[in-house]
Amino acid sequence: NGFMIQRRARETAEEGQEQDTLEILGLISAYREPCMWDI
């Protein structure tokens, strides 16, 4: 299990300036043998 994380620039509604935020996707994979979805 874990995260895939990327910084995204998003525009704020108030000032029209960019504000950095993170886009985070949770990952999970179960396996018994080595496979393409293992660590």
PDB file of all heavy atoms in Angstrom:
ATOM      1  N   ASN A   1       0.845  -1.185   0.000  1.00  0.00           N
ATOM      2  CA  ASN A   1       0.000   0.000   0.000  1.00  0.00           C
ATOM      3  C   ASN A   1       0.882   1.236   0.000  1.00  0.00           C
ATOM      4  O   ASN A   1       2.073   1.163   0.276  1.00  0.00           O
ATOM      5  CB  ASN A   1      -0.973   0.004   1.176  1.00  0.00           C
ATOM      6  CG  ASN A   1      -0.291   0.246   2.501  1.00  0.00           C
ATOM      7  OD1 ASN A   1       0.654  -0.444   2.861  1.00  0.00           O
ATOM      8  ND2 ASN A   1      -0.752   1.235   3.218  1.00  0.00           N
ATOM      9  N   GLY A   2       0.302   2.356  -0.357  1.00  0.00           N
ATOM     10  CA  GLY A   2       1.062   3.591  -0.365  1.00  0.00           C
ATOM     11  C   GLY A   2       0.370   4.674  -1.151  1.00  0.00           C
ATOM     12  O   GLY A   2      -0.836   4.630  -1.380  1.00  0.00           O
ATOM     13  N   PHE A   3       1.174   5.649  -1.573  1.00  0.00           N
ATOM     14  CA  PHE A   3       0.681   6.825  -2.277  1.00  0.00           C
ATOM     15  C   PHE A   3       1.440   7.058  -3.563  1.00  0.00           C
ATOM     16  O   PHE A   3       2.657   6.829  -3.636  1.00  0.00           O
ATOM     17  CB  PHE A   3       0.904   8.090  -1.436  1.00  0.00           C
ATOM     18  CG  PHE A   3      -0.015   8.292  -0.279  1.00  0.00           C
ATOM     19  CD1 PHE A   3       0.381   9.120   0.760  1.00  0.00           C
ATOM     20  CD2 PHE A   3      -1.268   7.715  -0.208  1.00  0.00           C
ATOM     21  CE1 PHE A   3      -0.442   9.369   1.834  1.00  0.00           C
ATOM     22  CE2 PHE A   3      -2.102   7.949   0.862  1.00  0.00           C
ATOM     23  CZ  PHE A   3      -1.692   8.778   1.887  1.00  0.00           C
ATOM     24  N   MET A   4       0.736   7.595  -4.552  1.00  0.00           N
ATOM     25  CA  MET A   4       1.336   8.257  -5.699  1.00  0.00           C
ATOM     26  C   MET A   4       0.961   9.728  -5.512  1.00  0.00           C
ATOM     27  O   MET A   4      -0.207  10.060  -5.334  1.00  0.00           O
ATOM     28  CB  MET A   4       0.776   7.725  -7.018  1.00  0.00           C
ATOM     29  CG  MET A   4       1.344   8.436  -8.225  1.00  0.00           C
ATOM     30  SD  MET A   4       0.925   7.676  -9.830  1.00  0.00           S
ATOM     31  CE  MET A   4      -0.825   7.937  -9.911  1.00  0.00           C
ATOM     32  N   ILE A   5       1.958  10.603  -5.530  1.00  0.00           N
ATOM     33  CA  ILE A   5       1.758  12.008  -5.162  1.00  0.00           C
ATOM     34  C   ILE A   5       2.340  12.906  -6.237  1.00  0.00           C
ATOM     35  O   ILE A   5       3.438  12.652  -6.743  1.00  0.00           O
ATOM     36  CB  ILE A   5       2.461  12.322  -3.830  1.00  0.00           C
ATOM     37  CG1 ILE A   5       2.015  11.346  -2.754  1.00  0.00           C
ATOM     38  CG2 ILE A   5       2.223  13.766  -3.416  1.00  0.00           C
ATOM     39  CD1 ILE A   5       2.928  11.298  -1.554  1.00  0.00           C
ATOM     40  N   GLN A   6       1.608  13.966  -6.559  1.00  0.00           N
ATOM     41  CA  GLN A   6       2.136  14.962  -7.487  1.00  0.00           C
ATOM     42  C   GLN A   6       1.657  16.340  -7.069  1.00  0.00           C
ATOM     43  O   GLN A   6       0.518  16.523  -6.678  1.00  0.00           O
ATOM     44  CB  GLN A   6       1.664  14.679  -8.901  1.00  0.00           C
ATOM     45  CG  GLN A   6       2.185  15.696  -9.904  1.00  0.00           C
ATOM     46  CD  GLN A   6       1.881  15.298 -11.314  1.00  0.00           C
ATOM     47  OE1 GLN A   6       2.309  14.262 -11.772  1.00  0.00           O
ATOM     48  NE2 GLN A   6       1.128  16.121 -12.010  1.00  0.00           N
ATOM     49  N   ARG A   7       2.548  17.286  -7.161  1.00  0.00           N
ATOM     50  CA  ARG A   7       2.192  18.683  -6.891  1.00  0.00           C
ATOM     51  C   ARG A   7       1.438  19.210  -8.106  1.00  0.00           C
ATOM     52  O   ARG A   7       1.861  19.045  -9.227  1.00  0.00           O
ATOM     53  CB  ARG A   7       3.449  19.512  -6.643  1.00  0.00           C
ATOM     54  CG  ARG A   7       3.152  20.968  -6.326  1.00  0.00           C
ATOM     55  CD  ARG A   7       4.423  21.722  -6.000  1.00  0.00           C
ATOM     56  NE  ARG A   7       4.983  21.348  -4.724  1.00  0.00           N
ATOM     57  CZ  ARG A   7       4.579  21.850  -3.549  1.00  0.00           C
ATOM     58  NH1 ARG A   7       3.614  22.721  -3.510  1.00  0.00           N
ATOM     59  NH2 ARG A   7       5.158  21.458  -2.428  1.00  0.00           N
ATOM     60  N   ARG A   8       0.310  19.832  -7.836  1.00  0.00           N
ATOM     61  CA  ARG A   8      -0.494  20.444  -8.899  1.00  0.00           C
ATOM     62  C   ARG A   8      -0.662  21.920  -8.614  1.00  0.00           C
ATOM     63  O   ARG A   8      -0.884  22.315  -7.480  1.00  0.00           O
ATOM     64  CB  ARG A   8      -1.896  19.823  -8.950  1.00  0.00           C
ATOM     65  CG  ARG A   8      -1.918  18.404  -9.397  1.00  0.00           C
ATOM     66  CD  ARG A   8      -1.804  18.347 -10.885  1.00  0.00           C
ATOM     67  NE  ARG A   8      -1.903  16.952 -11.297  1.00  0.00           N
ATOM     68  CZ  ARG A   8      -1.795  16.570 -12.535  1.00  0.00           C
ATOM     69  NH1 ARG A   8      -1.611  17.443 -13.472  1.00  0.00           N
ATOM     70  NH2 ARG A   8      -1.874  15.312 -12.845  1.00  0.00           N
ATOM     71  N   ALA A   9      -0.552  22.748  -9.640  1.00  0.00           N
ATOM     72  CA  ALA A   9      -0.817  24.180  -9.491  1.00  0.00           C
ATOM     73  C   ALA A   9      -2.300  24.390  -9.795  1.00  0.00           C
ATOM     74  O   ALA A   9      -2.791  23.965 -10.826  1.00  0.00           O
ATOM     75  CB  ALA A   9       0.038  24.986 -10.447  1.00  0.00           C
ATOM     76  N   ARG A  10      -2.998  25.026  -8.873  1.00  0.00           N
ATOM     77  CA  ARG A  10      -4.427  25.299  -9.051  1.00  0.00           C
ATOM     78  C   ARG A  10      -4.681  26.779  -8.847  1.00  0.00           C
ATOM     79  O   ARG A  10      -4.044  27.419  -8.031  1.00  0.00           O
ATOM     80  CB  ARG A  10      -5.246  24.491  -8.071  1.00  0.00           C
ATOM     81  CG  ARG A  10      -4.919  23.012  -8.187  1.00  0.00           C
ATOM     82  CD  ARG A  10      -6.058  22.183  -7.820  1.00  0.00           C
ATOM     83  NE  ARG A  10      -5.592  20.806  -7.878  1.00  0.00           N
ATOM     84  CZ  ARG A  10      -6.285  19.828  -8.346  1.00  0.00           C
ATOM     85  NH1 ARG A  10      -7.484  20.038  -8.772  1.00  0.00           N
ATOM     86  NH2 ARG A  10      -5.819  18.609  -8.380  1.00  0.00           N
ATOM     87  N   GLU A  11      -5.635  27.280  -9.554  1.00  0.00           N
ATOM     88  CA  GLU A  11      -5.955  28.694  -9.435  1.00  0.00           C
ATOM     89  C   GLU A  11      -6.923  28.908  -8.271  1.00  0.00           C
ATOM     90  O   GLU A  11      -7.885  28.163  -8.113  1.00  0.00           O
ATOM     91  CB  GLU A  11      -6.608  29.175 -10.732  1.00  0.00           C
ATOM     92  CG  GLU A  11      -6.698  30.669 -10.825  1.00  0.00           C
ATOM     93  CD  GLU A  11      -7.168  31.099 -12.185  1.00  0.00           C
ATOM     94  OE1 GLU A  11      -6.566  30.679 -13.179  1.00  0.00           O
ATOM     95  OE2 GLU A  11      -8.147  31.849 -12.230  1.00  0.00           O
ATOM     96  N   THR A  12      -6.636  29.909  -7.461  1.00  0.00           N
ATOM     97  CA  THR A  12      -7.541  30.230  -6.353  1.00  0.00           C
ATOM     98  C   THR A  12      -8.621  31.170  -6.865  1.00  0.00           C
ATOM     99  O   THR A  12      -8.370  32.039  -7.700  1.00  0.00           O
ATOM    100  CB  THR A  12      -6.791  30.885  -5.176  1.00  0.00           C
ATOM    101  OG1 THR A  12      -6.174  32.073  -5.642  1.00  0.00           O
ATOM    102  CG2 THR A  12      -5.743  29.954  -4.604  1.00  0.00           C
ATOM    103  N   ALA A  13      -9.825  31.027  -6.369  1.00  0.00           N
ATOM    104  CA  ALA A  13     -10.949  31.831  -6.833  1.00  0.00           C
ATOM    105  C   ALA A  13     -10.835  33.279  -6.373  1.00  0.00           C
ATOM    106  O   ALA A  13     -11.292  34.182  -7.041  1.00  0.00           O
ATOM    107  CB  ALA A  13     -12.251  31.218  -6.337  1.00  0.00           C
ATOM    108  N   GLU A  14     -10.208  33.512  -5.226  1.00  0.00           N
ATOM    109  CA  GLU A  14     -10.159  34.850  -4.652  1.00  0.00           C
ATOM    110  C   GLU A  14      -9.235  35.793  -5.400  1.00  0.00           C
ATOM    111  O   GLU A  14      -9.637  36.855  -5.839  1.00  0.00           O
ATOM    112  CB  GLU A  14      -9.706  34.786  -3.188  1.00  0.00           C
ATOM    113  CG  GLU A  14     -10.781  34.305  -2.253  1.00  0.00           C
ATOM    114  CD  GLU A  14     -10.281  34.283  -0.833  1.00  0.00           C
ATOM    115  OE1 GLU A  14      -9.394  35.074  -0.494  1.00  0.00           O
ATOM    116  OE2 GLU A  14     -10.785  33.460  -0.062  1.00  0.00           O
ATOM    117  N   GLU A  15      -7.988  35.452  -5.536  1.00  0.00           N
ATOM    118  CA  GLU A  15      -6.995  36.388  -6.040  1.00  0.00           C
ATOM    119  C   GLU A  15      -6.539  36.094  -7.468  1.00  0.00           C
ATOM    120  O   GLU A  15      -5.810  36.871  -8.041  1.00  0.00           O
ATOM    121  CB  GLU A  15      -5.778  36.392  -5.116  1.00  0.00           C
ATOM    122  CG  GLU A  15      -6.129  36.764  -3.692  1.00  0.00           C
ATOM    123  CD  GLU A  15      -4.939  36.598  -2.764  1.00  0.00           C
ATOM    124  OE1 GLU A  15      -3.829  36.340  -3.243  1.00  0.00           O
ATOM    125  OE2 GLU A  15      -5.143  36.725  -1.562  1.00  0.00           O
ATOM    126  N   GLY A  16      -6.925  34.974  -8.029  1.00  0.00           N
ATOM    127  CA  GLY A  16      -6.481  34.625  -9.369  1.00  0.00           C
ATOM    128  C   GLY A  16      -5.033  34.188  -9.440  1.00  0.00           C
ATOM    129  O   GLY A  16      -4.475  34.046 -10.515  1.00  0.00           O
ATOM    130  N   GLN A  17      -4.387  33.982  -8.279  1.00  0.00           N
ATOM    131  CA  GLN A  17      -3.012  33.513  -8.240  1.00  0.00           C
ATOM    132  C   GLN A  17      -3.005  32.000  -8.083  1.00  0.00           C
ATOM    133  O   GLN A  17      -3.962  31.412  -7.587  1.00  0.00           O
ATOM    134  CB  GLN A  17      -2.266  34.149  -7.068  1.00  0.00           C
ATOM    135  CG  GLN A  17      -2.125  35.645  -7.189  1.00  0.00           C
ATOM    136  CD  GLN A  17      -1.406  36.228  -5.991  1.00  0.00           C
ATOM    137  OE1 GLN A  17      -1.084  35.530  -5.046  1.00  0.00           O
ATOM    138  NE2 GLN A  17      -1.157  37.518  -6.034  1.00  0.00           N
ATOM    139  N   GLU A  18      -1.909  31.390  -8.502  1.00  0.00           N
ATOM    140  CA  GLU A  18      -1.806  29.946  -8.363  1.00  0.00           C
ATOM    141  C   GLU A  18      -1.447  29.549  -6.952  1.00  0.00           C
ATOM    142  O   GLU A  18      -0.679  30.225  -6.282  1.00  0.00           O
ATOM    143  CB  GLU A  18      -0.759  29.389  -9.332  1.00  0.00           C
ATOM    144  CG  GLU A  18      -1.219  29.427 -10.756  1.00  0.00           C
ATOM    145  CD  GLU A  18      -0.294  28.670 -11.683  1.00  0.00           C
ATOM    146  OE1 GLU A  18       0.621  28.004 -11.185  1.00  0.00           O
ATOM    147  OE2 GLU A  18      -0.504  28.745 -12.889  1.00  0.00           O
ATOM    148  N   GLN A  19      -2.034  28.462  -6.510  1.00  0.00           N
ATOM    149  CA  GLN A  19      -1.740  27.920  -5.186  1.00  0.00           C
ATOM    150  C   GLN A  19      -1.369  26.457  -5.374  1.00  0.00           C
ATOM    151  O   GLN A  19      -2.082  25.714  -6.045  1.00  0.00           O
ATOM    152  CB  GLN A  19      -2.974  28.046  -4.294  1.00  0.00           C
ATOM    153  CG  GLN A  19      -2.798  27.406  -2.945  1.00  0.00           C
ATOM    154  CD  GLN A  19      -4.082  27.476  -2.121  1.00  0.00           C
ATOM    155  OE1 GLN A  19      -5.026  28.148  -2.481  1.00  0.00           O
ATOM    156  NE2 GLN A  19      -4.099  26.755  -1.037  1.00  0.00           N
ATOM    157  N   ASP A  20      -0.249  26.045  -4.815  1.00  0.00           N
ATOM    158  CA  ASP A  20       0.188  24.659  -4.948  1.00  0.00           C
ATOM    159  C   ASP A  20      -0.613  23.754  -4.028  1.00  0.00           C
ATOM    160  O   ASP A  20      -0.844  24.064  -2.874  1.00  0.00           O
ATOM    161  CB  ASP A  20       1.669  24.524  -4.612  1.00  0.00           C
ATOM    162  CG  ASP A  20       2.549  25.116  -5.687  1.00  0.00           C
ATOM    163  OD1 ASP A  20       2.174  25.068  -6.865  1.00  0.00           O
ATOM    164  OD2 ASP A  20       3.614  25.620  -5.331  1.00  0.00           O
ATOM    165  N   THR A  21      -1.030  22.625  -4.562  1.00  0.00           N
ATOM    166  CA  THR A  21      -1.698  21.589  -3.782  1.00  0.00           C
ATOM    167  C   THR A  21      -1.137  20.247  -4.233  1.00  0.00           C
ATOM    168  O   THR A  21      -0.451  20.163  -5.239  1.00  0.00           O
ATOM    169  CB  THR A  21      -3.227  21.613  -3.995  1.00  0.00           C
ATOM    170  OG1 THR A  21      -3.495  21.422  -5.380  1.00  0.00           O
ATOM    171  CG2 THR A  21      -3.836  22.913  -3.524  1.00  0.00           C
ATOM    172  N   LEU A  22      -1.451  19.215  -3.491  1.00  0.00           N
ATOM    173  CA  LEU A  22      -1.013  17.876  -3.861  1.00  0.00           C
ATOM    174  C   LEU A  22      -2.183  17.066  -4.392  1.00  0.00           C
ATOM    175  O   LEU A  22      -3.288  17.142  -3.867  1.00  0.00           O
ATOM    176  CB  LEU A  22      -0.425  17.144  -2.650  1.00  0.00           C
ATOM    177  CG  LEU A  22       0.859  17.694  -2.054  1.00  0.00           C
ATOM    178  CD1 LEU A  22       1.288  16.835  -0.880  1.00  0.00           C
ATOM    179  CD2 LEU A  22       1.964  17.791  -3.085  1.00  0.00           C
ATOM    180  N   GLU A  23      -1.903  16.297  -5.412  1.00  0.00           N
ATOM    181  CA  GLU A  23      -2.852  15.297  -5.874  1.00  0.00           C
ATOM    182  C   GLU A  23      -2.310  13.964  -5.376  1.00  0.00           C
ATOM    183  O   GLU A  23      -1.170  13.600  -5.676  1.00  0.00           O
ATOM    184  CB  GLU A  23      -2.947  15.307  -7.392  1.00  0.00           C
ATOM    185  CG  GLU A  23      -3.992  14.375  -7.927  1.00  0.00           C
ATOM    186  CD  GLU A  23      -4.206  14.549  -9.423  1.00  0.00           C
ATOM    187  OE1 GLU A  23      -3.683  15.503 -10.015  1.00  0.00           O
ATOM    188  OE2 GLU A  23      -4.908  13.686  -9.986  1.00  0.00           O
ATOM    189  N   ILE A  24      -3.097  13.259  -4.569  1.00  0.00           N
ATOM    190  CA  ILE A  24      -2.645  12.004  -3.948  1.00  0.00           C
ATOM    191  C   ILE A  24      -3.592  10.885  -4.346  1.00  0.00           C
ATOM    192  O   ILE A  24      -4.807  10.998  -4.204  1.00  0.00           O
ATOM    193  CB  ILE A  24      -2.586  12.121  -2.419  1.00  0.00           C
ATOM    194  CG1 ILE A  24      -1.616  13.231  -2.005  1.00  0.00           C
ATOM    195  CG2 ILE A  24      -2.183  10.786  -1.788  1.00  0.00           C
ATOM    196  CD1 ILE A  24      -1.563  13.493  -0.516  1.00  0.00           C
ATOM    197  N   LEU A  25      -3.007   9.807  -4.827  1.00  0.00           N
ATOM    198  CA  LEU A  25      -3.772   8.623  -5.191  1.00  0.00           C
ATOM    199  C   LEU A  25      -3.292   7.472  -4.308  1.00  0.00           C
ATOM    200  O   LEU A  25      -2.087   7.176  -4.275  1.00  0.00           O
ATOM    201  CB  LEU A  25      -3.544   8.288  -6.667  1.00  0.00           C
ATOM    202  CG  LEU A  25      -4.277   7.066  -7.208  1.00  0.00           C
ATOM    203  CD1 LEU A  25      -5.780   7.305  -7.211  1.00  0.00           C
ATOM    204  CD2 LEU A  25      -3.800   6.757  -8.609  1.00  0.00           C
ATOM    205  N   GLY A  26      -4.192   6.861  -3.565  1.00  0.00           N
ATOM    206  CA  GLY A  26      -3.836   5.719  -2.726  1.00  0.00           C
ATOM    207  C   GLY A  26      -3.673   4.470  -3.573  1.00  0.00           C
ATOM    208  O   GLY A  26      -4.427   4.241  -4.524  1.00  0.00           O
ATOM    209  N   LEU A  27      -2.673   3.668  -3.252  1.00  0.00           N
ATOM    210  CA  LEU A  27      -2.394   2.431  -3.987  1.00  0.00           C
ATOM    211  C   LEU A  27      -2.481   1.242  -3.040  1.00  0.00           C
ATOM    212  O   LEU A  27      -2.042   1.331  -1.890  1.00  0.00           O
ATOM    213  CB  LEU A  27      -0.983   2.473  -4.584  1.00  0.00           C
ATOM    214  CG  LEU A  27      -0.640   3.652  -5.486  1.00  0.00           C
ATOM    215  CD1 LEU A  27       0.851   3.654  -5.802  1.00  0.00           C
ATOM    216  CD2 LEU A  27      -1.453   3.582  -6.755  1.00  0.00           C
ATOM    217  N   ILE A  28      -3.019   0.144  -3.538  1.00  0.00           N
ATOM    218  CA  ILE A  28      -3.040  -1.093  -2.756  1.00  0.00           C
ATOM    219  C   ILE A  28      -3.016  -2.273  -3.731  1.00  0.00           C
ATOM    220  O   ILE A  28      -3.630  -2.229  -4.790  1.00  0.00           O
ATOM    221  CB  ILE A  28      -4.258  -1.161  -1.817  1.00  0.00           C
ATOM    222  CG1 ILE A  28      -4.127  -2.342  -0.866  1.00  0.00           C
ATOM    223  CG2 ILE A  28      -5.560  -1.206  -2.593  1.00  0.00           C
ATOM    224  CD1 ILE A  28      -5.041  -2.276   0.327  1.00  0.00           C
ATOM    225  N   SER A  29      -2.254  -3.288  -3.375  1.00  0.00           N
ATOM    226  CA  SER A  29      -2.145  -4.480  -4.203  1.00  0.00           C
ATOM    227  C   SER A  29      -1.841  -5.675  -3.300  1.00  0.00           C
ATOM    228  O   SER A  29      -0.977  -5.587  -2.433  1.00  0.00           O
ATOM    229  CB  SER A  29      -1.024  -4.302  -5.232  1.00  0.00           C
ATOM    230  OG  SER A  29      -0.848  -5.469  -5.998  1.00  0.00           O
ATOM    231  N   ALA A  30      -2.563  -6.763  -3.502  1.00  0.00           N
ATOM    232  CA  ALA A  30      -2.316  -7.996  -2.746  1.00  0.00           C
ATOM    233  C   ALA A  30      -1.793  -9.053  -3.705  1.00  0.00           C
ATOM    234  O   ALA A  30      -2.284  -9.171  -4.837  1.00  0.00           O
ATOM    235  CB  ALA A  30      -3.600  -8.475  -2.084  1.00  0.00           C
ATOM    236  N   TYR A  31      -0.792  -9.822  -3.280  1.00  0.00           N
ATOM    237  CA  TYR A  31      -0.196 -10.826  -4.149  1.00  0.00           C
ATOM    238  C   TYR A  31       0.518 -11.879  -3.310  1.00  0.00           C
ATOM    239  O   TYR A  31       0.881 -11.652  -2.167  1.00  0.00           O
ATOM    240  CB  TYR A  31       0.780 -10.183  -5.147  1.00  0.00           C
ATOM    241  CG  TYR A  31       1.705  -9.158  -4.551  1.00  0.00           C
ATOM    242  CD1 TYR A  31       2.961  -9.506  -4.052  1.00  0.00           C
ATOM    243  CD2 TYR A  31       1.328  -7.816  -4.464  1.00  0.00           C
ATOM    244  CE1 TYR A  31       3.810  -8.560  -3.501  1.00  0.00           C
ATOM    245  CE2 TYR A  31       2.167  -6.857  -3.910  1.00  0.00           C
ATOM    246  CZ  TYR A  31       3.405  -7.242  -3.434  1.00  0.00           C
ATOM    247  OH  TYR A  31       4.238  -6.294  -2.882  1.00  0.00           O
ATOM    248  N   ARG A  32       0.695 -13.033  -3.900  1.00  0.00           N
ATOM    249  CA  ARG A  32       1.431 -14.126  -3.253  1.00  0.00           C
ATOM    250  C   ARG A  32       2.783 -14.348  -3.924  1.00  0.00           C
ATOM    251  O   ARG A  32       3.726 -14.766  -3.300  1.00  0.00           O
ATOM    252  CB  ARG A  32       0.620 -15.412  -3.295  1.00  0.00           C
ATOM    253  CG  ARG A  32      -0.614 -15.350  -2.445  1.00  0.00           C
ATOM    254  CD  ARG A  32      -1.293 -16.721  -2.382  1.00  0.00           C
ATOM    255  NE  ARG A  32      -2.484 -16.649  -1.575  1.00  0.00           N
ATOM    256  CZ  ARG A  32      -2.507 -16.664  -0.255  1.00  0.00           C
ATOM    257  NH1 ARG A  32      -1.376 -16.749   0.413  1.00  0.00           N
ATOM    258  NH2 ARG A  32      -3.638 -16.605   0.404  1.00  0.00           N
ATOM    259  N   GLU A  33       2.838 -14.094  -5.222  1.00  0.00           N
ATOM    260  CA  GLU A  33       4.051 -14.284  -6.017  1.00  0.00           C
ATOM    261  C   GLU A  33       4.451 -12.944  -6.626  1.00  0.00           C
ATOM    262  O   GLU A  33       3.612 -12.056  -6.771  1.00  0.00           O
ATOM    263  CB  GLU A  33       3.780 -15.287  -7.149  1.00  0.00           C
ATOM    264  CG  GLU A  33       3.298 -16.653  -6.684  1.00  0.00           C
ATOM    265  CD  GLU A  33       4.367 -17.450  -5.979  1.00  0.00           C
ATOM    266  OE1 GLU A  33       5.556 -17.284  -6.312  1.00  0.00           O
ATOM    267  OE2 GLU A  33       4.018 -18.229  -5.089  1.00  0.00           O
ATOM    268  N   PRO A  34       5.712 -12.796  -7.032  1.00  0.00           N
ATOM    269  CA  PRO A  34       6.091 -11.565  -7.735  1.00  0.00           C
ATOM    270  C   PRO A  34       5.196 -11.354  -8.958  1.00  0.00           C
ATOM    271  O   PRO A  34       4.858 -12.296  -9.669  1.00  0.00           O
ATOM    272  CB  PRO A  34       7.538 -11.834  -8.158  1.00  0.00           C
ATOM    273  CG  PRO A  34       8.037 -12.826  -7.156  1.00  0.00           C
ATOM    274  CD  PRO A  34       6.852 -13.695  -6.835  1.00  0.00           C
ATOM    275  N   CYS A  35       4.778 -10.106  -9.160  1.00  0.00           N
ATOM    276  CA  CYS A  35       3.915  -9.769 -10.291  1.00  0.00           C
ATOM    277  C   CYS A  35       4.151  -8.310 -10.679  1.00  0.00           C
ATOM    278  O   CYS A  35       4.897  -7.595 -10.011  1.00  0.00           O
ATOM    279  CB  CYS A  35       2.445 -10.006  -9.937  1.00  0.00           C
ATOM    280  SG  CYS A  35       1.824  -8.904  -8.649  1.00  0.00           S
ATOM    281  N   MET A  36       3.499  -7.839 -11.716  1.00  0.00           N
ATOM    282  CA  MET A  36       3.734  -6.465 -12.164  1.00  0.00           C
ATOM    283  C   MET A  36       3.175  -5.429 -11.200  1.00  0.00           C
ATOM    284  O   MET A  36       3.499  -4.254 -11.310  1.00  0.00           O
ATOM    285  CB  MET A  36       3.209  -6.234 -13.581  1.00  0.00           C
ATOM    286  CG  MET A  36       1.723  -6.023 -13.711  1.00  0.00           C
ATOM    287  SD  MET A  36       1.205  -5.722 -15.418  1.00  0.00           S
ATOM    288  CE  MET A  36       1.682  -4.036 -15.654  1.00  0.00           C
ATOM    289  N   TRP A  37       2.365  -5.838 -10.229  1.00  0.00           N
ATOM    290  CA  TRP A  37       1.776  -4.902  -9.273  1.00  0.00           C
ATOM    291  C   TRP A  37       2.413  -5.015  -7.894  1.00  0.00           C
ATOM    292  O   TRP A  37       1.887  -4.492  -6.930  1.00  0.00           O
ATOM    293  CB  TRP A  37       0.270  -5.113  -9.184  1.00  0.00           C
ATOM    294  CG  TRP A  37      -0.367  -4.975 -10.529  1.00  0.00           C
ATOM    295  CD1 TRP A  37      -0.948  -5.966 -11.268  1.00  0.00           C
ATOM    296  CD2 TRP A  37      -0.445  -3.798 -11.331  1.00  0.00           C
ATOM    297  NE1 TRP A  37      -1.383  -5.477 -12.469  1.00  0.00           N
ATOM    298  CE2 TRP A  37      -1.094  -4.144 -12.531  1.00  0.00           C
ATOM    299  CE3 TRP A  37      -0.024  -2.484 -11.163  1.00  0.00           C
ATOM    300  CZ2 TRP A  37      -1.336  -3.223 -13.542  1.00  0.00           C
ATOM    301  CZ3 TRP A  37      -0.267  -1.559 -12.172  1.00  0.00           C
ATOM    302  CH2 TRP A  37      -0.914  -1.938 -13.338  1.00  0.00           C
ATOM    303  N   ASP A  38       3.566  -5.687  -7.798  1.00  0.00           N
ATOM    304  CA  ASP A  38       4.233  -5.760  -6.495  1.00  0.00           C
ATOM    305  C   ASP A  38       5.151  -4.548  -6.311  1.00  0.00           C
ATOM    306  O   ASP A  38       5.338  -3.747  -7.222  1.00  0.00           O
ATOM    307  CB  ASP A  38       4.969  -7.096  -6.301  1.00  0.00           C
ATOM    308  CG  ASP A  38       6.198  -7.264  -7.184  1.00  0.00           C
ATOM    309  OD1 ASP A  38       6.780  -6.253  -7.637  1.00  0.00           O
ATOM    310  OD2 ASP A  38       6.589  -8.418  -7.415  1.00  0.00           O
ATOM    311  N   ILE A  39       5.731  -4.413  -5.139  1.00  0.00           N
ATOM    312  CA  ILE A  39       6.520  -3.228  -4.798  1.00  0.00           C
ATOM    313  C   ILE A  39       7.745  -3.064  -5.695  1.00  0.00           C
ATOM    314  O   ILE A  39       8.177  -1.949  -5.973  1.00  0.00           O
ATOM    315  CB  ILE A  39       6.920  -3.246  -3.305  1.00  0.00           C
ATOM    316  CG1 ILE A  39       7.431  -1.857  -2.862  1.00  0.00           C
ATOM    317  CG2 ILE A  39       7.936  -4.346  -3.028  1.00  0.00           C
ATOM    318  CD1 ILE A  39       7.560  -1.711  -1.365  1.00  0.00           C
TER     319      ILE A  39
END
